[in-house]
Amino acid sequence: MADQKHVVVFVRRRSWRCWLTSRFLGRMGYRFETIDATNDSRLRSWLAHHTGSEKMPYVFIDHRPVGGLSEIWALERSGALEYLVSGGV
């Protein structure tokens, strides 16, 4: 994708859902930054405070919390993921 919003995926090592999320976004052609929060309790606490969730992975698009794997799949099925990543919001 030539021009897209900044996408960040917070992950934990050895997480199947984190791996699937990264693989899915890569296969869709999106560029994204991966941040490993496995051993960073302060980062996980910050995520929980800002997202209301302690689950991983957690995806942010242009600094907006979007959700985890289930939310990304739902956005893709509805066509909204491309819209969000391409800057439609």
PDB file of N, CA and C in Angstrom:
ATOM      1  N   MET A   1       0.853  -1.174   0.000  1.00  0.00           N
ATOM      2  CA  MET A   1       0.000   0.000   0.000  1.00  0.00           C
ATOM      3  C   MET A   1       0.896   1.233   0.000  1.00  0.00           C
ATOM      4  N   ALA A   2       0.750   2.075  -0.981  1.00  0.00           N
ATOM      5  CA  ALA A   2       1.656   3.201  -1.172  1.00  0.00           C
ATOM      6  C   ALA A   2       1.564   4.230  -0.051  1.00  0.00           C
ATOM      7  N   ASP A   3       0.389   4.710   0.245  1.00  0.00           N
ATOM      8  CA  ASP A   3       0.225   5.735   1.268  1.00  0.00           C
ATOM      9  C   ASP A   3      -0.753   5.216   2.313  1.00  0.00           C
ATOM     10  N   GLN A   4      -0.270   5.085   3.532  1.00  0.00           N
ATOM     11  CA  GLN A   4      -1.135   4.543   4.571  1.00  0.00           C
ATOM     12  C   GLN A   4      -0.837   5.209   5.902  1.00  0.00           C
ATOM     13  N   LYS A   5      -1.762   5.060   6.828  1.00  0.00           N
ATOM     14  CA  LYS A   5      -1.597   5.560   8.179  1.00  0.00           C
ATOM     15  C   LYS A   5      -0.566   4.703   8.910  1.00  0.00           C
ATOM     16  N   HIS A   6      -0.056   5.221  10.011  1.00  0.00           N
ATOM     17  CA  HIS A   6       0.905   4.487  10.834  1.00  0.00           C
ATOM     18  C   HIS A   6       0.171   3.377  11.587  1.00  0.00           C
ATOM     19  N   VAL A   7       0.607   2.152  11.407  1.00  0.00           N
ATOM     20  CA  VAL A   7      -0.009   0.988  12.055  1.00  0.00           C
ATOM     21  C   VAL A   7       1.003   0.388  13.019  1.00  0.00           C
ATOM     22  N   VAL A   8       0.575   0.186  14.269  1.00  0.00           N
ATOM     23  CA  VAL A   8       1.426  -0.403  15.298  1.00  0.00           C
ATOM     24  C   VAL A   8       0.699  -1.596  15.890  1.00  0.00           C
ATOM     25  N   VAL A   9       1.416  -2.708  16.039  1.00  0.00           N
ATOM     26  CA  VAL A   9       0.857  -3.914  16.634  1.00  0.00           C
ATOM     27  C   VAL A   9       1.668  -4.245  17.882  1.00  0.00           C
ATOM     28  N   PHE A  10       1.007  -4.228  19.021  1.00  0.00           N
ATOM     29  CA  PHE A  10       1.631  -4.623  20.281  1.00  0.00           C
ATOM     30  C   PHE A  10       1.414  -6.120  20.444  1.00  0.00           C
ATOM     31  N   VAL A  11       2.503  -6.840  20.689  1.00  0.00           N
ATOM     32  CA  VAL A  11       2.441  -8.305  20.725  1.00  0.00           C
ATOM     33  C   VAL A  11       3.139  -8.858  21.960  1.00  0.00           C
ATOM     34  N   ARG A  12       2.906 -10.140  22.177  1.00  0.00           N
ATOM     35  CA  ARG A  12       3.648 -10.948  23.148  1.00  0.00           C
ATOM     36  C   ARG A  12       4.279 -12.093  22.386  1.00  0.00           C
ATOM     37  N   ARG A  13       5.493 -12.431  22.781  1.00  0.00           N
ATOM     38  CA  ARG A  13       6.151 -13.587  22.152  1.00  0.00           C
ATOM     39  C   ARG A  13       5.362 -14.851  22.467  1.00  0.00           C
ATOM     40  N   ARG A  14       5.484 -15.791  21.576  1.00  0.00           N
ATOM     41  CA  ARG A  14       4.861 -17.110  21.717  1.00  0.00           C
ATOM     42  C   ARG A  14       3.339 -17.042  21.815  1.00  0.00           C
ATOM     43  N   SER A  15       2.772 -16.051  21.161  1.00  0.00           N
ATOM     44  CA  SER A  15       1.319 -15.921  21.123  1.00  0.00           C
ATOM     45  C   SER A  15       0.844 -16.219  19.707  1.00  0.00           C
ATOM     46  N   TRP A  16       0.005 -17.221  19.605  1.00  0.00           N
ATOM     47  CA  TRP A  16      -0.545 -17.616  18.316  1.00  0.00           C
ATOM     48  C   TRP A  16      -1.347 -16.477  17.697  1.00  0.00           C
ATOM     49  N   ARG A  17      -2.179 -15.789  18.494  1.00  0.00           N
ATOM     50  CA  ARG A  17      -3.004 -14.692  17.984  1.00  0.00           C
ATOM     51  C   ARG A  17      -2.132 -13.522  17.512  1.00  0.00           C
ATOM     52  N   CYS A  18      -1.046 -13.265  18.208  1.00  0.00           N
ATOM     53  CA  CYS A  18      -0.136 -12.189  17.794  1.00  0.00           C
ATOM     54  C   CYS A  18       0.513 -12.535  16.459  1.00  0.00           C
ATOM     55  N   TRP A  19       0.941 -13.772  16.325  1.00  0.00           N
ATOM     56  CA  TRP A  19       1.550 -14.220  15.074  1.00  0.00           C
ATOM     57  C   TRP A  19       0.535 -14.123  13.932  1.00  0.00           C
ATOM     58  N   LEU A  20      -0.690 -14.576  14.171  1.00  0.00           N
ATOM     59  CA  LEU A  20      -1.719 -14.530  13.127  1.00  0.00           C
ATOM     60  C   LEU A  20      -2.025 -13.089  12.704  1.00  0.00           C
ATOM     61  N   THR A  21      -2.072 -12.190  13.670  1.00  0.00           N
ATOM     62  CA  THR A  21      -2.363 -10.787  13.354  1.00  0.00           C
ATOM     63  C   THR A  21      -1.267 -10.196  12.482  1.00  0.00           C
ATOM     64  N   SER A  22      -0.016 -10.413  12.877  1.00  0.00           N
ATOM     65  CA  SER A  22       1.105  -9.903  12.088  1.00  0.00           C
ATOM     66  C   SER A  22       1.114 -10.512  10.686  1.00  0.00           C
ATOM     67  N   ARG A  23       0.874 -11.785  10.605  1.00  0.00           N
ATOM     68  CA  ARG A  23       0.856 -12.465   9.306  1.00  0.00           C
ATOM     69  C   ARG A  23      -0.282 -11.939   8.429  1.00  0.00           C
ATOM     70  N   PHE A  24      -1.450 -11.771   9.022  1.00  0.00           N
ATOM     71  CA  PHE A  24      -2.606 -11.279   8.282  1.00  0.00           C
ATOM     72  C   PHE A  24      -2.337  -9.875   7.724  1.00  0.00           C
ATOM     73  N   LEU A  25      -1.851  -8.967   8.567  1.00  0.00           N
ATOM     74  CA  LEU A  25      -1.578  -7.601   8.120  1.00  0.00           C
ATOM     75  C   LEU A  25      -0.514  -7.590   7.023  1.00  0.00           C
ATOM     76  N   GLY A  26       0.511  -8.432   7.184  1.00  0.00           N
ATOM     77  CA  GLY A  26       1.547  -8.524   6.161  1.00  0.00           C
ATOM     78  C   GLY A  26       1.017  -9.040   4.844  1.00  0.00           C
ATOM     79  N   ARG A  27       0.177 -10.047   4.903  1.00  0.00           N
ATOM     80  CA  ARG A  27      -0.393 -10.615   3.667  1.00  0.00           C
ATOM     81  C   ARG A  27      -1.336  -9.638   2.976  1.00  0.00           C
ATOM     82  N   MET A  28      -1.933  -8.743   3.756  1.00  0.00           N
ATOM     83  CA  MET A  28      -2.811  -7.726   3.175  1.00  0.00           C
ATOM     84  C   MET A  28      -1.997  -6.602   2.530  1.00  0.00           C
ATOM     85  N   GLY A  29      -0.683  -6.623   2.772  1.00  0.00           N
ATOM     86  CA  GLY A  29       0.184  -5.626   2.165  1.00  0.00           C
ATOM     87  C   GLY A  29       0.379  -4.368   2.990  1.00  0.00           C
ATOM     88  N   TYR A  30      -0.057  -4.397   4.248  1.00  0.00           N
ATOM     89  CA  TYR A  30       0.096  -3.227   5.103  1.00  0.00           C
ATOM     90  C   TYR A  30       1.478  -3.207   5.736  1.00  0.00           C
ATOM     91  N   ARG A  31       2.051  -2.019   5.834  1.00  0.00           N
ATOM     92  CA  ARG A  31       3.288  -1.837   6.593  1.00  0.00           C
ATOM     93  C   ARG A  31       2.895  -1.575   8.039  1.00  0.00           C
ATOM     94  N   PHE A  32       3.621  -2.182   8.969  1.00  0.00           N
ATOM     95  CA  PHE A  32       3.294  -1.970  10.369  1.00  0.00           C
ATOM     96  C   PHE A  32       4.532  -2.145  11.225  1.00  0.00           C
ATOM     97  N   GLU A  33       4.480  -1.514  12.379  1.00  0.00           N
ATOM     98  CA  GLU A  33       5.543  -1.619  13.370  1.00  0.00           C
ATOM     99  C   GLU A  33       5.072  -2.607  14.428  1.00  0.00           C
ATOM    100  N   THR A  34       5.952  -3.495  14.841  1.00  0.00           N
ATOM    101  CA  THR A  34       5.635  -4.453  15.888  1.00  0.00           C
ATOM    102  C   THR A  34       6.390  -4.067  17.151  1.00  0.00           C
ATOM    103  N   ILE A  35       5.664  -3.991  18.262  1.00  0.00           N
ATOM    104  CA  ILE A  35       6.272  -3.689  19.550  1.00  0.00           C
ATOM    105  C   ILE A  35       6.014  -4.856  20.482  1.00  0.00           C
ATOM    106  N   ASP A  36       7.082  -5.467  20.960  1.00  0.00           N
ATOM    107  CA  ASP A  36       6.999  -6.623  21.858  1.00  0.00           C
ATOM    108  C   ASP A  36       6.819  -6.130  23.294  1.00  0.00           C
ATOM    109  N   ALA A  37       5.692  -6.461  23.887  1.00  0.00           N
ATOM    110  CA  ALA A  37       5.389  -6.052  25.261  1.00  0.00           C
ATOM    111  C   ALA A  37       5.521  -7.216  26.233  1.00  0.00           C
ATOM    112  N   THR A  38       6.165  -8.288  25.818  1.00  0.00           N
ATOM    113  CA  THR A  38       6.259  -9.494  26.637  1.00  0.00           C
ATOM    114  C   THR A  38       6.824  -9.221  28.020  1.00  0.00           C
ATOM    115  N   ASN A  39       7.942  -8.559  28.090  1.00  0.00           N
ATOM    116  CA  ASN A  39       8.612  -8.357  29.380  1.00  0.00           C
ATOM    117  C   ASN A  39       8.523  -6.919  29.881  1.00  0.00           C
ATOM    118  N   ASP A  40       7.549  -6.170  29.399  1.00  0.00           N
ATOM    119  CA  ASP A  40       7.426  -4.769  29.777  1.00  0.00           C
ATOM    120  C   ASP A  40       6.090  -4.522  30.480  1.00  0.00           C
ATOM    121  N   SER A  41       6.088  -4.680  31.784  1.00  0.00           N
ATOM    122  CA  SER A  41       4.847  -4.542  32.547  1.00  0.00           C
ATOM    123  C   SER A  41       4.299  -3.113  32.503  1.00  0.00           C
ATOM    124  N   ARG A  42       5.185  -2.118  32.424  1.00  0.00           N
ATOM    125  CA  ARG A  42       4.713  -0.730  32.336  1.00  0.00           C
ATOM    126  C   ARG A  42       3.988  -0.489  31.005  1.00  0.00           C
ATOM    127  N   LEU A  43       4.508  -1.039  29.942  1.00  0.00           N
ATOM    128  CA  LEU A  43       3.868  -0.905  28.643  1.00  0.00           C
ATOM    129  C   LEU A  43       2.510  -1.611  28.640  1.00  0.00           C
ATOM    130  N   ARG A  44       2.442  -2.806  29.197  1.00  0.00           N
ATOM    131  CA  ARG A  44       1.172  -3.536  29.264  1.00  0.00           C
ATOM    132  C   ARG A  44       0.156  -2.777  30.117  1.00  0.00           C
ATOM    133  N   SER A  45       0.620  -2.152  31.191  1.00  0.00           N
ATOM    134  CA  SER A  45      -0.258  -1.348  32.040  1.00  0.00           C
ATOM    135  C   SER A  45      -0.784  -0.138  31.277  1.00  0.00           C
ATOM    136  N   TRP A  46       0.090   0.508  30.518  1.00  0.00           N
ATOM    137  CA  TRP A  46      -0.316   1.647  29.700  1.00  0.00           C
ATOM    138  C   TRP A  46      -1.363   1.219  28.671  1.00  0.00           C
ATOM    139  N   LEU A  47      -1.121   0.090  28.033  1.00  0.00           N
ATOM    140  CA  LEU A  47      -2.072  -0.421  27.044  1.00  0.00           C
ATOM    141  C   LEU A  47      -3.428  -0.690  27.679  1.00  0.00           C
ATOM    142  N   ALA A  48      -3.426  -1.339  28.837  1.00  0.00           N
ATOM    143  CA  ALA A  48      -4.679  -1.656  29.524  1.00  0.00           C
ATOM    144  C   ALA A  48      -5.430  -0.369  29.873  1.00  0.00           C
ATOM    145  N   HIS A  49      -4.706   0.638  30.303  1.00  0.00           N
ATOM    146  CA  HIS A  49      -5.332   1.912  30.663  1.00  0.00           C
ATOM    147  C   HIS A  49      -5.935   2.598  29.433  1.00  0.00           C
ATOM    148  N   HIS A  50      -5.229   2.620  28.317  1.00  0.00           N
ATOM    149  CA  HIS A  50      -5.691   3.336  27.126  1.00  0.00           C
ATOM    150  C   HIS A  50      -6.671   2.556  26.261  1.00  0.00           C
ATOM    151  N   THR A  51      -6.653   1.256  26.377  1.00  0.00           N
ATOM    152  CA  THR A  51      -7.534   0.452  25.520  1.00  0.00           C
ATOM    153  C   THR A  51      -8.673  -0.202  26.291  1.00  0.00           C
ATOM    154  N   GLY A  52      -8.528  -0.282  27.611  1.00  0.00           N
ATOM    155  CA  GLY A  52      -9.536  -0.971  28.405  1.00  0.00           C
ATOM    156  C   GLY A  52      -9.435  -2.477  28.296  1.00  0.00           C
ATOM    157  N   SER A  53      -8.329  -2.950  27.751  1.00  0.00           N
ATOM    158  CA  SER A  53      -8.152  -4.379  27.529  1.00  0.00           C
ATOM    159  C   SER A  53      -6.710  -4.773  27.815  1.00  0.00           C
ATOM    160  N   GLU A  54      -6.550  -5.964  28.357  1.00  0.00           N
ATOM    161  CA  GLU A  54      -5.206  -6.486  28.594  1.00  0.00           C
ATOM    162  C   GLU A  54      -4.798  -7.509  27.552  1.00  0.00           C
ATOM    163  N   LYS A  55      -5.649  -7.714  26.552  1.00  0.00           N
ATOM    164  CA  LYS A  55      -5.361  -8.743  25.557  1.00  0.00           C
ATOM    165  C   LYS A  55      -4.298  -8.289  24.580  1.00  0.00           C
ATOM    166  N   MET A  56      -3.621  -9.264  24.027  1.00  0.00           N
ATOM    167  CA  MET A  56      -2.633  -9.038  22.990  1.00  0.00           C
ATOM    168  C   MET A  56      -2.969 -10.009  21.867  1.00  0.00           C
ATOM    169  N   PRO A  57      -2.811  -9.629  20.663  1.00  0.00           N
ATOM    170  CA  PRO A  57      -2.225  -8.401  20.162  1.00  0.00           C
ATOM    171  C   PRO A  57      -3.201  -7.248  20.303  1.00  0.00           C
ATOM    172  N   TYR A  58      -2.679  -6.060  20.177  1.00  0.00           N
ATOM    173  CA  TYR A  58      -3.530  -4.880  20.114  1.00  0.00           C
ATOM    174  C   TYR A  58      -2.995  -3.984  19.013  1.00  0.00           C
ATOM    175  N   VAL A  59      -3.888  -3.575  18.125  1.00  0.00           N
ATOM    176  CA  VAL A  59      -3.507  -2.800  16.953  1.00  0.00           C
ATOM    177  C   VAL A  59      -3.974  -1.357  17.115  1.00  0.00           C
ATOM    178  N   PHE A  60      -3.055  -0.453  16.794  1.00  0.00           N
ATOM    179  CA  PHE A  60      -3.371   0.968  16.726  1.00  0.00           C
ATOM    180  C   PHE A  60      -3.176   1.410  15.283  1.00  0.00           C
ATOM    181  N   ILE A  61      -4.107   2.204  14.783  1.00  0.00           N
ATOM    182  CA  ILE A  61      -3.972   2.782  13.458  1.00  0.00           C
ATOM    183  C   ILE A  61      -3.986   4.293  13.629  1.00  0.00           C
ATOM    184  N   ASP A  62      -2.886   4.912  13.260  1.00  0.00           N
ATOM    185  CA  ASP A  62      -2.711   6.356  13.390  1.00  0.00           C
ATOM    186  C   ASP A  62      -2.995   6.809  14.831  1.00  0.00           C
ATOM    187  N   HIS A  63      -2.427   6.083  15.775  1.00  0.00           N
ATOM    188  CA  HIS A  63      -2.514   6.363  17.211  1.00  0.00           C
ATOM    189  C   HIS A  63      -3.908   6.124  17.798  1.00  0.00           C
ATOM    190  N   ARG A  64      -4.801   5.508  17.064  1.00  0.00           N
ATOM    191  CA  ARG A  64      -6.137   5.189  17.564  1.00  0.00           C
ATOM    192  C   ARG A  64      -6.209   3.703  17.875  1.00  0.00           C
ATOM    193  N   PRO A  65      -6.681   3.346  19.072  1.00  0.00           N
ATOM    194  CA  PRO A  65      -6.828   1.919  19.380  1.00  0.00           C
ATOM    195  C   PRO A  65      -7.931   1.300  18.522  1.00  0.00           C
ATOM    196  N   VAL A  66      -7.585   0.188  17.885  1.00  0.00           N
ATOM    197  CA  VAL A  66      -8.535  -0.479  16.991  1.00  0.00           C
ATOM    198  C   VAL A  66      -9.016  -1.792  17.588  1.00  0.00           C
ATOM    199  N   GLY A  67      -8.109  -2.581  18.134  1.00  0.00           N
ATOM    200  CA  GLY A  67      -8.496  -3.857  18.724  1.00  0.00           C
ATOM    201  C   GLY A  67      -7.498  -4.944  18.404  1.00  0.00           C
ATOM    202  N   GLY A  68      -7.929  -6.155  18.658  1.00  0.00           N
ATOM    203  CA  GLY A  68      -7.081  -7.313  18.445  1.00  0.00           C
ATOM    204  C   GLY A  68      -7.425  -8.041  17.159  1.00  0.00           C
ATOM    205  N   LEU A  69      -7.075  -9.299  17.126  1.00  0.00           N
ATOM    206  CA  LEU A  69      -7.252 -10.112  15.928  1.00  0.00           C
ATOM    207  C   LEU A  69      -8.713 -10.169  15.484  1.00  0.00           C
ATOM    208  N   SER A  70      -9.619 -10.410  16.403  1.00  0.00           N
ATOM    209  CA  SER A  70     -11.043 -10.514  16.040  1.00  0.00           C
ATOM    210  C   SER A  70     -11.564  -9.225  15.431  1.00  0.00           C
ATOM    211  N   GLU A  71     -11.156  -8.101  16.002  1.00  0.00           N
ATOM    212  CA  GLU A  71     -11.602  -6.812  15.477  1.00  0.00           C
ATOM    213  C   GLU A  71     -11.011  -6.526  14.099  1.00  0.00           C
ATOM    214  N   ILE A  72      -9.747  -6.901  13.914  1.00  0.00           N
ATOM    215  CA  ILE A  72      -9.101  -6.700  12.613  1.00  0.00           C
ATOM    216  C   ILE A  72      -9.797  -7.537  11.545  1.00  0.00           C
ATOM    217  N   TRP A  73     -10.092  -8.793  11.876  1.00  0.00           N
ATOM    218  CA  TRP A  73     -10.804  -9.648  10.910  1.00  0.00           C
ATOM    219  C   TRP A  73     -12.182  -9.079  10.587  1.00  0.00           C
ATOM    220  N   ALA A  74     -12.899  -8.603  11.608  1.00  0.00           N
ATOM    221  CA  ALA A  74     -14.231  -8.036  11.381  1.00  0.00           C
ATOM    222  C   ALA A  74     -14.149  -6.781  10.516  1.00  0.00           C
ATOM    223  N   LEU A  75     -13.150  -5.938  10.772  1.00  0.00           N
ATOM    224  CA  LEU A  75     -12.973  -4.739   9.951  1.00  0.00           C
ATOM    225  C   LEU A  75     -12.661  -5.105   8.505  1.00  0.00           C
ATOM    226  N   GLU A  76     -11.855  -6.134   8.305  1.00  0.00           N
ATOM    227  CA  GLU A  76     -11.522  -6.568   6.945  1.00  0.00           C
ATOM    228  C   GLU A  76     -12.766  -7.099   6.233  1.00  0.00           C
ATOM    229  N   ARG A  77     -13.557  -7.917   6.926  1.00  0.00           N
ATOM    230  CA  ARG A  77     -14.775  -8.465   6.315  1.00  0.00           C
ATOM    231  C   ARG A  77     -15.744  -7.360   5.906  1.00  0.00           C
ATOM    232  N   SER A  78     -15.806  -6.286   6.705  1.00  0.00           N
ATOM    233  CA  SER A  78     -16.739  -5.198   6.404  1.00  0.00           C
ATOM    234  C   SER A  78     -16.184  -4.202   5.390  1.00  0.00           C
ATOM    235  N   GLY A  79     -14.890  -4.309   5.085  1.00  0.00           N
ATOM    236  CA  GLY A  79     -14.258  -3.376   4.168  1.00  0.00           C
ATOM    237  C   GLY A  79     -13.718  -2.125   4.850  1.00  0.00           C
ATOM    238  N   ALA A  80     -13.891  -2.023   6.146  1.00  0.00           N
ATOM    239  CA  ALA A  80     -13.486  -0.825   6.878  1.00  0.00           C
ATOM    240  C   ALA A  80     -11.988  -0.768   7.164  1.00  0.00           C
ATOM    241  N   LEU A  81     -11.309  -1.908   7.188  1.00  0.00           N
ATOM    242  CA  LEU A  81      -9.882  -1.905   7.502  1.00  0.00           C
ATOM    243  C   LEU A  81      -9.107  -1.116   6.449  1.00  0.00           C
ATOM    244  N   GLU A  82      -9.360  -1.374   5.205  1.00  0.00           N
ATOM    245  CA  GLU A  82      -8.687  -0.653   4.122  1.00  0.00           C
ATOM    246  C   GLU A  82      -8.960   0.845   4.237  1.00  0.00           C
ATOM    247  N   TYR A  83     -10.175   1.196   4.559  1.00  0.00           N
ATOM    248  CA  TYR A  83     -10.567   2.592   4.716  1.00  0.00           C
ATOM    249  C   TYR A  83      -9.782   3.251   5.860  1.00  0.00           C
ATOM    250  N   LEU A  84      -9.666   2.553   7.004  1.00  0.00           N
ATOM    251  CA  LEU A  84      -8.932   3.090   8.151  1.00  0.00           C
ATOM    252  C   LEU A  84      -7.445   3.246   7.843  1.00  0.00           C
ATOM    253  N   VAL A  85      -6.861   2.210   7.265  1.00  0.00           N
ATOM    254  CA  VAL A  85      -5.424   2.218   7.016  1.00  0.00           C
ATOM    255  C   VAL A  85      -5.050   3.205   5.911  1.00  0.00           C
ATOM    256  N   SER A  86      -5.930   3.395   4.952  1.00  0.00           N
ATOM    257  CA  SER A  86      -5.615   4.311   3.855  1.00  0.00           C
ATOM    258  C   SER A  86      -5.877   5.770   4.207  1.00  0.00           C
ATOM    259  N   GLY A  87      -6.386   6.005   5.396  1.00  0.00           N
ATOM    260  CA  GLY A  87      -6.575   7.385   5.832  1.00  0.00           C
ATOM    261  C   GLY A  87      -7.959   7.923   5.635  1.00  0.00           C
ATOM    262  N   GLY A  88      -8.922   7.032   5.586  1.00  0.00           N
ATOM    263  CA  GLY A  88     -10.301   7.466   5.399  1.00  0.00           C
ATOM    264  C   GLY A  88     -10.950   8.073   6.621  1.00  0.00           C
ATOM    265  N   VAL A  89     -10.291   8.013   7.747  1.00  0.00           N
ATOM    266  CA  VAL A  89     -10.893   8.558   8.984  1.00  0.00           C
ATOM    267  C   VAL A  89     -10.133   9.776   9.405  1.00  0.00           C
TER     268      VAL A  89
END
